[in-house]
């Protein structure tokens, strides 16, 4: 066997293993199902704001601010879990924040939908 060809093949395998493994690991993390009511609510809200952005109900700034706020709720939840005991009070607190966040998202949706309806009724044909 040609040593030069063997060296090139070994380099290719090493590079492929080095660069493909983290990508595959990240992809598999995204495929994990949401377990528990908090994670399910977070995931549902994440999908909702992404869908609202795609539909034009949220502008880029609104989408960024809402994503940041949802990430903040997730960080607070994780901090409570990492501190040790996650009590019923902690659970209720996180769920209350998620409900308030959902109300905020609904407010953004209705503001945009109302402004679109007003523009459509005022605009002459």
Protein backbone atom coordinates (compact mmCIF):
# COMPACT_ATOMS: atom_id res chain seq x y z
CA UNK A 1 0.00 0.00 0.00
CA UNK A 2 1.20 3.49 -0.81
CA UNK A 3 2.28 5.26 2.43
CA UNK A 4 1.34 8.68 1.03
CA UNK A 5 -2.20 7.49 0.25
CA UNK A 6 -2.45 5.90 3.70
CA UNK A 7 -1.42 9.20 5.34
CA UNK A 8 -4.00 11.18 3.36
CA UNK A 9 -6.71 8.67 4.27
CA UNK A 10 -5.80 8.82 7.96
CA UNK A 11 -5.85 12.62 7.88
CA UNK A 12 -9.26 12.60 6.23
CA UNK A 13 -10.71 10.20 8.81
CA UNK A 14 -9.25 12.24 11.69
CA UNK A 15 -10.66 15.52 10.31
CA UNK A 16 -14.07 13.97 9.66
CA UNK A 17 -14.23 12.55 13.17
CA UNK A 18 -13.11 15.82 14.73
CA UNK A 19 -15.55 18.10 12.92
CA UNK A 20 -18.58 15.82 12.52
CA UNK A 21 -18.89 14.64 16.12
CA UNK A 22 -19.91 17.94 17.76
CA UNK A 23 -22.40 18.66 15.00
CA UNK A 24 -23.99 15.26 15.42
CA UNK A 25 -24.09 15.68 19.17
CA UNK A 26 -25.80 19.06 18.93
CA UNK A 27 -28.30 17.73 16.42
CA UNK A 28 -29.20 14.85 18.70
CA UNK A 29 -29.77 17.27 21.62
CA UNK A 30 -32.33 19.19 19.58
CA UNK A 31 -34.25 15.97 18.96
CA UNK A 32 -34.80 15.26 22.66
CA UNK A 33 -38.47 15.39 23.68
CA UNK A 34 -39.62 17.96 26.22
CA UNK A 35 -40.35 16.20 29.49
CA UNK A 36 -42.53 17.80 32.15
CA UNK A 37 -45.02 20.64 32.08
CA UNK A 38 -42.41 23.41 32.37
CA UNK A 39 -40.27 22.18 29.49
CA UNK A 40 -43.37 21.55 27.35
CA UNK A 41 -44.66 25.08 28.02
CA UNK A 42 -41.24 26.57 27.20
CA UNK A 43 -41.04 24.61 23.96
CA UNK A 44 -44.61 25.54 22.98
CA UNK A 45 -43.88 29.23 23.60
CA UNK A 46 -40.62 29.02 21.65
CA UNK A 47 -42.43 27.53 18.66
CA UNK A 48 -45.19 30.12 18.98
CA UNK A 49 -42.88 33.14 18.83
CA UNK A 50 -40.97 31.60 15.92
CA UNK A 51 -44.23 31.02 14.05
CA UNK A 52 -45.43 34.55 14.83
CA UNK A 53 -42.18 35.94 13.46
CA UNK A 54 -42.51 33.90 10.26
CA UNK A 55 -46.12 35.07 9.86
CA UNK A 56 -45.11 38.71 10.33
CA UNK A 57 -46.95 39.14 13.63
CA UNK A 58 -43.63 39.98 15.31
CA UNK A 59 -40.94 42.27 14.02
CA UNK A 60 -37.24 41.39 14.33
CA UNK A 61 -36.79 43.49 17.47
CA UNK A 62 -39.90 42.06 19.13
CA UNK A 63 -38.77 38.53 18.25
CA UNK A 64 -35.31 39.18 19.71
CA UNK A 65 -36.71 40.67 22.91
CA UNK A 66 -39.22 37.85 23.42
CA UNK A 67 -36.56 35.21 22.74
CA UNK A 68 -34.30 36.90 25.27
CA UNK A 69 -37.09 37.00 27.86
CA UNK A 70 -37.89 33.32 27.36
CA UNK A 71 -34.20 32.45 27.68
CA UNK A 72 -34.13 34.44 30.93
CA UNK A 73 -37.01 32.39 32.33
CA UNK A 74 -35.18 29.20 31.34
CA UNK A 75 -31.98 30.37 33.04
CA UNK A 76 -33.84 31.21 36.26
CA UNK A 77 -35.47 27.78 36.22
CA UNK A 78 -32.13 26.04 35.72
CA UNK A 79 -30.55 28.07 38.55
CA UNK A 80 -33.33 26.96 40.89
CA UNK A 81 -32.85 23.35 39.84
CA UNK A 82 -29.07 23.53 40.26
CA UNK A 83 -29.37 25.00 43.76
CA UNK A 84 -30.66 21.67 44.97
CA UNK A 85 -34.28 21.14 45.81
CA UNK A 86 -36.87 22.30 43.26
CA UNK A 87 -39.92 22.91 45.46
CA UNK A 88 -43.58 23.26 44.57
CA UNK A 89 -43.19 26.99 45.18
CA UNK A 90 -40.37 27.11 42.60
CA UNK A 91 -42.52 25.17 40.13
CA UNK A 92 -45.46 27.55 40.65
CA UNK A 93 -43.16 30.55 40.30
CA UNK A 94 -41.76 29.37 36.95
CA UNK A 95 -45.20 28.44 35.62
CA UNK A 96 -46.53 31.87 36.65
CA UNK A 97 -43.68 33.54 34.74
CA UNK A 98 -44.46 31.41 31.69
CA UNK A 99 -48.16 32.36 31.85
CA UNK A 100 -47.22 36.05 32.13
CA UNK A 101 -44.83 35.63 29.21
CA UNK A 102 -47.57 33.98 27.13
CA UNK A 103 -49.86 36.94 27.91
CA UNK A 104 -47.10 39.24 26.68
CA UNK A 105 -46.80 37.24 23.44
CA UNK A 106 -50.58 37.37 22.96
CA UNK A 107 -50.43 41.14 23.46
CA UNK A 108 -47.83 41.48 20.71
CA UNK A 109 -49.91 39.28 18.41
CA UNK A 110 -53.12 41.23 18.95
CA UNK A 111 -51.38 44.61 18.57
CA UNK A 112 -49.97 43.58 15.21
CA UNK A 113 -53.20 41.92 14.06
CA UNK A 114 -55.22 45.01 15.05
CA UNK A 115 -52.86 47.36 13.22
CA UNK A 116 -53.00 45.17 10.10
CA UNK A 117 -56.82 45.17 10.24
CA UNK A 118 -56.92 48.97 10.59
CA UNK A 119 -54.57 49.47 7.64
CA UNK A 120 -56.65 47.13 5.49
CA UNK A 121 -59.92 48.89 6.32
CA UNK A 122 -58.54 52.39 5.76
CA UNK A 123 -56.64 51.69 2.57
CA UNK A 124 -58.84 52.56 -0.44
CA UNK A 125 -59.04 50.15 -3.33
